[in-house]
Every structure is written in C-alpha cells, then in structure tokens.
PDB file of all heavy atoms in Angstrom:
ATOM      1  N   PRO A   1      17.598  -5.360 -15.060  1.00  0.00           N
ATOM      2  CA  PRO A   1      16.193  -4.990 -15.218  1.00  0.00           C
ATOM      3  C   PRO A   1      15.778  -4.054 -14.046  1.00  0.00           C
ATOM      4  O   PRO A   1      16.320  -4.135 -12.938  1.00  0.00           O
ATOM      5  CB  PRO A   1      15.459  -6.318 -15.133  1.00  0.00           C
ATOM      6  CG  PRO A   1      16.438  -7.347 -14.828  1.00  0.00           C
ATOM      7  CD  PRO A   1      17.788  -6.764 -14.847  1.00  0.00           C
ATOM      8  N   MET A   2      14.852  -3.149 -14.352  1.00  0.00           N
ATOM      9  CA  MET A   2      14.407  -2.218 -13.321  1.00  0.00           C
ATOM     10  C   MET A   2      12.919  -2.351 -13.056  1.00  0.00           C
ATOM     11  O   MET A   2      12.174  -2.761 -13.924  1.00  0.00           O
ATOM     12  CB  MET A   2      14.723  -0.771 -13.755  1.00  0.00           C
ATOM     13  CG  MET A   2      13.953  -0.300 -14.972  1.00  0.00           C
ATOM     14  SD  MET A   2      14.346   1.378 -15.411  1.00  0.00           S
ATOM     15  CE  MET A   2      15.800   1.121 -16.370  1.00  0.00           C
ATOM     16  N   ALA A   3      12.526  -2.012 -11.860  1.00  0.00           N
ATOM     17  CA  ALA A   3      11.107  -2.043 -11.466  1.00  0.00           C
ATOM     18  C   ALA A   3      10.409  -0.836 -12.058  1.00  0.00           C
ATOM     19  O   ALA A   3      11.035   0.186 -12.288  1.00  0.00           O
ATOM     20  CB  ALA A   3      11.027  -2.022  -9.927  1.00  0.00           C
ATOM     21  N   LEU A   4       9.129  -1.026 -12.335  1.00  0.00           N
ATOM     22  CA  LEU A   4       8.351   0.113 -12.846  1.00  0.00           C
ATOM     23  C   LEU A   4       8.091   1.150 -11.774  1.00  0.00           C
ATOM     24  O   LEU A   4       7.900   2.323 -12.068  1.00  0.00           O
ATOM     25  CB  LEU A   4       7.014  -0.389 -13.420  1.00  0.00           C
ATOM     26  CG  LEU A   4       7.142  -1.244 -14.673  1.00  0.00           C
ATOM     27  CD1 LEU A   4       5.782  -1.734 -15.147  1.00  0.00           C
ATOM     28  CD2 LEU A   4       7.767  -0.469 -15.782  1.00  0.00           C
ATOM     29  N   LEU A   5       8.061   0.733 -10.537  1.00  0.00           N
ATOM     30  CA  LEU A   5       7.858   1.654  -9.422  1.00  0.00           C
ATOM     31  C   LEU A   5       9.110   1.690  -8.549  1.00  0.00           C
ATOM     32  O   LEU A   5       9.751   0.649  -8.321  1.00  0.00           O
ATOM     33  CB  LEU A   5       6.682   1.178  -8.525  1.00  0.00           C
ATOM     34  CG  LEU A   5       5.341   1.143  -9.191  1.00  0.00           C
ATOM     35  CD1 LEU A   5       4.329   0.529  -8.219  1.00  0.00           C
ATOM     36  CD2 LEU A   5       4.887   2.523  -9.595  1.00  0.00           C
ATOM     37  N   SER A   6       9.481   2.865  -8.094  1.00  0.00           N
ATOM     38  CA  SER A   6      10.637   2.953  -7.187  1.00  0.00           C
ATOM     39  C   SER A   6      10.316   2.308  -5.871  1.00  0.00           C
ATOM     40  O   SER A   6       9.152   2.073  -5.535  1.00  0.00           O
ATOM     41  CB  SER A   6      11.015   4.432  -6.998  1.00  0.00           C
ATOM     42  OG  SER A   6       9.991   5.081  -6.216  1.00  0.00           O
ATOM     43  N   GLU A   7      11.311   2.026  -5.083  1.00  0.00           N
ATOM     44  CA  GLU A   7      11.129   1.435  -3.791  1.00  0.00           C
ATOM     45  C   GLU A   7      10.249   2.336  -2.921  1.00  0.00           C
ATOM     46  O   GLU A   7       9.395   1.868  -2.163  1.00  0.00           O
ATOM     47  CB  GLU A   7      12.461   1.185  -3.091  1.00  0.00           C
ATOM     48  CG  GLU A   7      13.258   0.021  -3.676  1.00  0.00           C
ATOM     49  CD  GLU A   7      14.562  -0.177  -3.010  1.00  0.00           C
ATOM     50  OE1 GLU A   7      14.683   0.097  -1.779  1.00  0.00           O
ATOM     51  OE2 GLU A   7      15.487  -0.680  -3.652  1.00  0.00           O
ATOM     52  N   ARG A   8      10.441   3.658  -3.033  1.00  0.00           N
ATOM     53  CA  ARG A   8       9.635   4.609  -2.250  1.00  0.00           C
ATOM     54  C   ARG A   8       8.139   4.503  -2.654  1.00  0.00           C
ATOM     55  O   ARG A   8       7.287   4.453  -1.773  1.00  0.00           O
ATOM     56  CB  ARG A   8      10.163   6.007  -2.490  1.00  0.00           C
ATOM     57  CG  ARG A   8       9.507   7.028  -1.572  1.00  0.00           C
ATOM     58  CD  ARG A   8      10.070   8.394  -1.763  1.00  0.00           C
ATOM     59  NE  ARG A   8       9.566   8.932  -3.041  1.00  0.00           N
ATOM     60  CZ  ARG A   8      10.233   9.807  -3.752  1.00  0.00           C
ATOM     61  NH1 ARG A   8      11.345  10.294  -3.392  1.00  0.00           N
ATOM     62  NH2 ARG A   8       9.664  10.291  -4.870  1.00  0.00           N
ATOM     63  N   GLU A   9       7.903   4.424  -3.964  1.00  0.00           N
ATOM     64  CA  GLU A   9       6.503   4.296  -4.424  1.00  0.00           C
ATOM     65  C   GLU A   9       5.903   2.994  -3.963  1.00  0.00           C
ATOM     66  O   GLU A   9       4.729   2.923  -3.586  1.00  0.00           O
ATOM     67  CB  GLU A   9       6.440   4.396  -5.952  1.00  0.00           C
ATOM     68  CG  GLU A   9       6.670   5.774  -6.471  1.00  0.00           C
ATOM     69  CD  GLU A   9       6.692   5.798  -8.010  1.00  0.00           C
ATOM     70  OE1 GLU A   9       7.416   4.975  -8.593  1.00  0.00           O
ATOM     71  OE2 GLU A   9       5.913   6.570  -8.574  1.00  0.00           O
ATOM     72  N   GLN A  10       6.674   1.883  -4.001  1.00  0.00           N
ATOM     73  CA  GLN A  10       6.173   0.629  -3.575  1.00  0.00           C
ATOM     74  C   GLN A  10       5.819   0.665  -2.063  1.00  0.00           C
ATOM     75  O   GLN A  10       4.815   0.107  -1.644  1.00  0.00           O
ATOM     76  CB  GLN A  10       7.183  -0.473  -3.835  1.00  0.00           C
ATOM     77  CG  GLN A  10       7.362  -0.794  -5.310  1.00  0.00           C
ATOM     78  CD  GLN A  10       8.495  -1.751  -5.585  1.00  0.00           C
ATOM     79  OE1 GLN A  10       9.154  -2.239  -4.680  1.00  0.00           O
ATOM     80  NE2 GLN A  10       8.757  -2.036  -6.864  1.00  0.00           N
ATOM     81  N   ALA A  11       6.666   1.321  -1.257  1.00  0.00           N
ATOM     82  CA  ALA A  11       6.431   1.443   0.163  1.00  0.00           C
ATOM     83  C   ALA A  11       5.194   2.241   0.435  1.00  0.00           C
ATOM     84  O   ALA A  11       4.369   1.876   1.303  1.00  0.00           O
ATOM     85  CB  ALA A  11       7.659   2.035   0.879  1.00  0.00           C
ATOM     86  N   VAL A  12       5.003   3.370  -0.285  1.00  0.00           N
ATOM     87  CA  VAL A  12       3.809   4.188  -0.092  1.00  0.00           C
ATOM     88  C   VAL A  12       2.559   3.423  -0.462  1.00  0.00           C
ATOM     89  O   VAL A  12       1.536   3.429   0.282  1.00  0.00           O
ATOM     90  CB  VAL A  12       3.929   5.499  -0.915  1.00  0.00           C
ATOM     91  CG1 VAL A  12       2.580   6.249  -0.929  1.00  0.00           C
ATOM     92  CG2 VAL A  12       5.002   6.420  -0.348  1.00  0.00           C
ATOM     93  N   ARG A  13       2.612   2.715  -1.552  1.00  0.00           N
ATOM     94  CA  ARG A  13       1.432   1.909  -1.965  1.00  0.00           C
ATOM     95  C   ARG A  13       1.156   0.814  -0.931  1.00  0.00           C
ATOM     96  O   ARG A  13      -0.019   0.565  -0.638  1.00  0.00           O
ATOM     97  CB  ARG A  13       1.692   1.274  -3.343  1.00  0.00           C
ATOM     98  CG  ARG A  13       1.514   2.258  -4.446  1.00  0.00           C
ATOM     99  CD  ARG A  13       1.569   1.598  -5.788  1.00  0.00           C
ATOM    100  NE  ARG A  13       1.429   2.593  -6.850  1.00  0.00           N
ATOM    101  CZ  ARG A  13       0.985   2.306  -8.041  1.00  0.00           C
ATOM    102  NH1 ARG A  13       0.672   1.096  -8.359  1.00  0.00           N
ATOM    103  NH2 ARG A  13       0.892   3.269  -8.935  1.00  0.00           N
ATOM    104  N   ALA A  14       2.142   0.206  -0.377  1.00  0.00           N
ATOM    105  CA  ALA A  14       1.945  -0.817   0.620  1.00  0.00           C
ATOM    106  C   ALA A  14       1.251  -0.222   1.882  1.00  0.00           C
ATOM    107  O   ALA A  14       0.368  -0.825   2.460  1.00  0.00           O
ATOM    108  CB  ALA A  14       3.270  -1.498   1.034  1.00  0.00           C
ATOM    109  N   MET A  15       1.686   0.972   2.302  1.00  0.00           N
ATOM    110  CA  MET A  15       1.093   1.648   3.439  1.00  0.00           C
ATOM    111  C   MET A  15      -0.381   1.991   3.151  1.00  0.00           C
ATOM    112  O   MET A  15      -1.252   1.796   4.013  1.00  0.00           O
ATOM    113  CB  MET A  15       1.860   2.880   3.834  1.00  0.00           C
ATOM    114  CG  MET A  15       3.155   2.589   4.545  1.00  0.00           C
ATOM    115  SD  MET A  15       3.979   4.096   5.175  1.00  0.00           S
ATOM    116  CE  MET A  15       4.740   4.703   3.677  1.00  0.00           C
ATOM    117  N   LEU A  16      -0.657   2.546   1.958  1.00  0.00           N
ATOM    118  CA  LEU A  16      -2.030   2.883   1.596  1.00  0.00           C
ATOM    119  C   LEU A  16      -2.887   1.646   1.567  1.00  0.00           C
ATOM    120  O   LEU A  16      -4.047   1.677   2.018  1.00  0.00           O
ATOM    121  CB  LEU A  16      -2.084   3.627   0.299  1.00  0.00           C
ATOM    122  CG  LEU A  16      -1.456   5.012   0.259  1.00  0.00           C
ATOM    123  CD1 LEU A  16      -1.393   5.570  -1.157  1.00  0.00           C
ATOM    124  CD2 LEU A  16      -2.192   5.962   1.146  1.00  0.00           C
ATOM    125  N   LYS A  17      -2.348   0.548   1.035  1.00  0.00           N
ATOM    126  CA  LYS A  17      -3.112  -0.692   0.984  1.00  0.00           C
ATOM    127  C   LYS A  17      -3.402  -1.191   2.388  1.00  0.00           C
ATOM    128  O   LYS A  17      -4.508  -1.668   2.690  1.00  0.00           O
ATOM    129  CB  LYS A  17      -2.305  -1.729   0.201  1.00  0.00           C
ATOM    130  CG  LYS A  17      -3.075  -3.004  -0.023  1.00  0.00           C
ATOM    131  CD  LYS A  17      -2.314  -3.982  -0.900  1.00  0.00           C
ATOM    132  CE  LYS A  17      -3.102  -5.240  -1.161  1.00  0.00           C
ATOM    133  NZ  LYS A  17      -2.357  -6.182  -1.991  1.00  0.00           N
ATOM    134  N   ALA A  18      -2.433  -1.064   3.319  1.00  0.00           N
ATOM    135  CA  ALA A  18      -2.635  -1.489   4.715  1.00  0.00           C
ATOM    136  C   ALA A  18      -3.709  -0.640   5.371  1.00  0.00           C
ATOM    137  O   ALA A  18      -4.563  -1.188   6.129  1.00  0.00           O
ATOM    138  CB  ALA A  18      -1.316  -1.410   5.464  1.00  0.00           C
ATOM    139  N   VAL A  19      -3.736   0.645   5.113  1.00  0.00           N
ATOM    140  CA  VAL A  19      -4.779   1.489   5.677  1.00  0.00           C
ATOM    141  C   VAL A  19      -6.120   1.064   5.171  1.00  0.00           C
ATOM    142  O   VAL A  19      -7.066   0.949   5.941  1.00  0.00           O
ATOM    143  CB  VAL A  19      -4.505   3.012   5.318  1.00  0.00           C
ATOM    144  CG1 VAL A  19      -5.718   3.864   5.642  1.00  0.00           C
ATOM    145  CG2 VAL A  19      -3.281   3.511   6.096  1.00  0.00           C
ATOM    146  N   ARG A  20      -6.221   0.888   3.870  1.00  0.00           N
ATOM    147  CA  ARG A  20      -7.499   0.442   3.272  1.00  0.00           C
ATOM    148  C   ARG A  20      -7.958  -0.874   3.861  1.00  0.00           C
ATOM    149  O   ARG A  20      -9.131  -1.012   4.220  1.00  0.00           O
ATOM    150  CB  ARG A  20      -7.344   0.352   1.771  1.00  0.00           C
ATOM    151  CG  ARG A  20      -8.640   0.020   1.084  1.00  0.00           C
ATOM    152  CD  ARG A  20      -8.421   0.041  -0.478  1.00  0.00           C
ATOM    153  NE  ARG A  20      -9.635  -0.173  -1.144  1.00  0.00           N
ATOM    154  CZ  ARG A  20     -10.567   0.733  -1.410  1.00  0.00           C
ATOM    155  NH1 ARG A  20     -10.350   1.964  -1.027  1.00  0.00           N
ATOM    156  NH2 ARG A  20     -11.673   0.441  -2.044  1.00  0.00           N
ATOM    157  N   GLU A  21      -7.081  -1.844   3.986  1.00  0.00           N
ATOM    158  CA  GLU A  21      -7.436  -3.150   4.536  1.00  0.00           C
ATOM    159  C   GLU A  21      -7.872  -3.018   5.990  1.00  0.00           C
ATOM    160  O   GLU A  21      -8.834  -3.670   6.419  1.00  0.00           O
ATOM    161  CB  GLU A  21      -6.285  -4.133   4.414  1.00  0.00           C
ATOM    162  CG  GLU A  21      -6.060  -4.583   3.005  1.00  0.00           C
ATOM    163  CD  GLU A  21      -4.826  -5.487   2.816  1.00  0.00           C
ATOM    164  OE1 GLU A  21      -4.084  -5.695   3.800  1.00  0.00           O
ATOM    165  OE2 GLU A  21      -4.616  -5.908   1.661  1.00  0.00           O
ATOM    166  N   HIS A  22      -7.183  -2.192   6.791  1.00  0.00           N
ATOM    167  CA  HIS A  22      -7.549  -1.985   8.192  1.00  0.00           C
ATOM    168  C   HIS A  22      -8.972  -1.419   8.287  1.00  0.00           C
ATOM    169  O   HIS A  22      -9.787  -1.915   9.100  1.00  0.00           O
ATOM    170  CB  HIS A  22      -6.558  -1.050   8.870  1.00  0.00           C
ATOM    171  CG  HIS A  22      -6.942  -0.708  10.279  1.00  0.00           C
ATOM    172  ND1 HIS A  22      -6.809  -1.601  11.316  1.00  0.00           N
ATOM    173  CD2 HIS A  22      -7.506   0.389  10.847  1.00  0.00           C
ATOM    174  CE1 HIS A  22      -7.238  -1.032  12.440  1.00  0.00           C
ATOM    175  NE2 HIS A  22      -7.691   0.186  12.142  1.00  0.00           N
ATOM    176  N   VAL A  23      -9.271  -0.416   7.493  1.00  0.00           N
ATOM    177  CA  VAL A  23     -10.580   0.208   7.540  1.00  0.00           C
ATOM    178  C   VAL A  23     -11.698  -0.817   7.166  1.00  0.00           C
ATOM    179  O   VAL A  23     -12.671  -0.950   7.818  1.00  0.00           O
ATOM    180  CB  VAL A  23     -10.680   1.449   6.643  1.00  0.00           C
ATOM    181  CG1 VAL A  23     -12.122   1.920   6.474  1.00  0.00           C
ATOM    182  CG2 VAL A  23      -9.802   2.548   7.178  1.00  0.00           C
ATOM    183  N   THR A  24     -11.466  -1.545   6.098  1.00  0.00           N
ATOM    184  CA  THR A  24     -12.509  -2.462   5.637  1.00  0.00           C
ATOM    185  C   THR A  24     -12.668  -3.648   6.547  1.00  0.00           C
ATOM    186  O   THR A  24     -13.738  -4.241   6.604  1.00  0.00           O
ATOM    187  CB  THR A  24     -12.192  -2.981   4.203  1.00  0.00           C
ATOM    188  OG1 THR A  24     -10.926  -3.619   4.172  1.00  0.00           O
ATOM    189  CG2 THR A  24     -12.223  -1.854   3.189  1.00  0.00           C
ATOM    190  N   LYS A  25     -11.641  -3.976   7.359  1.00  0.00           N
ATOM    191  CA  LYS A  25     -11.767  -5.087   8.292  1.00  0.00           C
ATOM    192  C   LYS A  25     -12.362  -4.688   9.636  1.00  0.00           C
ATOM    193  O   LYS A  25     -13.021  -5.449  10.287  1.00  0.00           O
ATOM    194  CB  LYS A  25     -10.400  -5.724   8.532  1.00  0.00           C
ATOM    195  CG  LYS A  25      -9.894  -6.584   7.380  1.00  0.00           C
ATOM    196  CD  LYS A  25      -8.512  -7.174   7.717  1.00  0.00           C
ATOM    197  CE  LYS A  25      -7.996  -7.953   6.542  1.00  0.00           C
ATOM    198  NZ  LYS A  25      -6.667  -8.446   6.771  1.00  0.00           N
ATOM    199  N   THR A  26     -12.139  -3.424  10.036  1.00  0.00           N
ATOM    200  CA  THR A  26     -12.533  -3.016  11.357  1.00  0.00           C
ATOM    201  C   THR A  26     -13.746  -2.098  11.421  1.00  0.00           C
ATOM    202  O   THR A  26     -14.283  -1.830  12.510  1.00  0.00           O
ATOM    203  CB  THR A  26     -11.370  -2.304  12.081  1.00  0.00           C
ATOM    204  OG1 THR A  26     -11.008  -1.134  11.324  1.00  0.00           O
ATOM    205  CG2 THR A  26     -10.178  -3.241  12.226  1.00  0.00           C
ATOM    206  N   ALA A  27     -14.199  -1.575  10.308  1.00  0.00           N
ATOM    207  CA  ALA A  27     -15.308  -0.672  10.275  1.00  0.00           C
ATOM    208  C   ALA A  27     -16.552  -1.333   9.585  1.00  0.00           C
ATOM    209  O   ALA A  27     -16.397  -2.272   8.855  1.00  0.00           O
ATOM    210  CB  ALA A  27     -14.941   0.623   9.532  1.00  0.00           C
ATOM    211  N   ASP A  28     -17.719  -0.777   9.870  1.00  0.00           N
ATOM    212  CA  ASP A  28     -18.965  -1.279   9.262  1.00  0.00           C
ATOM    213  C   ASP A  28     -19.167  -0.583   7.912  1.00  0.00           C
ATOM    214  O   ASP A  28     -19.113   0.646   7.821  1.00  0.00           O
ATOM    215  CB  ASP A  28     -20.169  -0.971  10.182  1.00  0.00           C
ATOM    216  CG  ASP A  28     -20.103  -1.734  11.473  1.00  0.00           C
ATOM    217  OD1 ASP A  28     -19.532  -2.831  11.515  1.00  0.00           O
ATOM    218  OD2 ASP A  28     -20.657  -1.218  12.472  1.00  0.00           O
TER     219      ASP A  28
END
C-alpha cells in the first residue's frame, strides 16, 4: 500500500503546521 502524500510532502506539511501553531501560540 502507498501513502497519498510523499514523505517530502508530509514533511513540508508538518513544517507548515508547526509554523502556524507557533504563530497562534505566541502572537496576539
């Protein structure tokens, strides 16, 4: 079975999610 997203896409999405979470936690 194969993933719908490549490992590279999953890593990019994880980084973007981390950026979003950091902004929403640390900014007003």
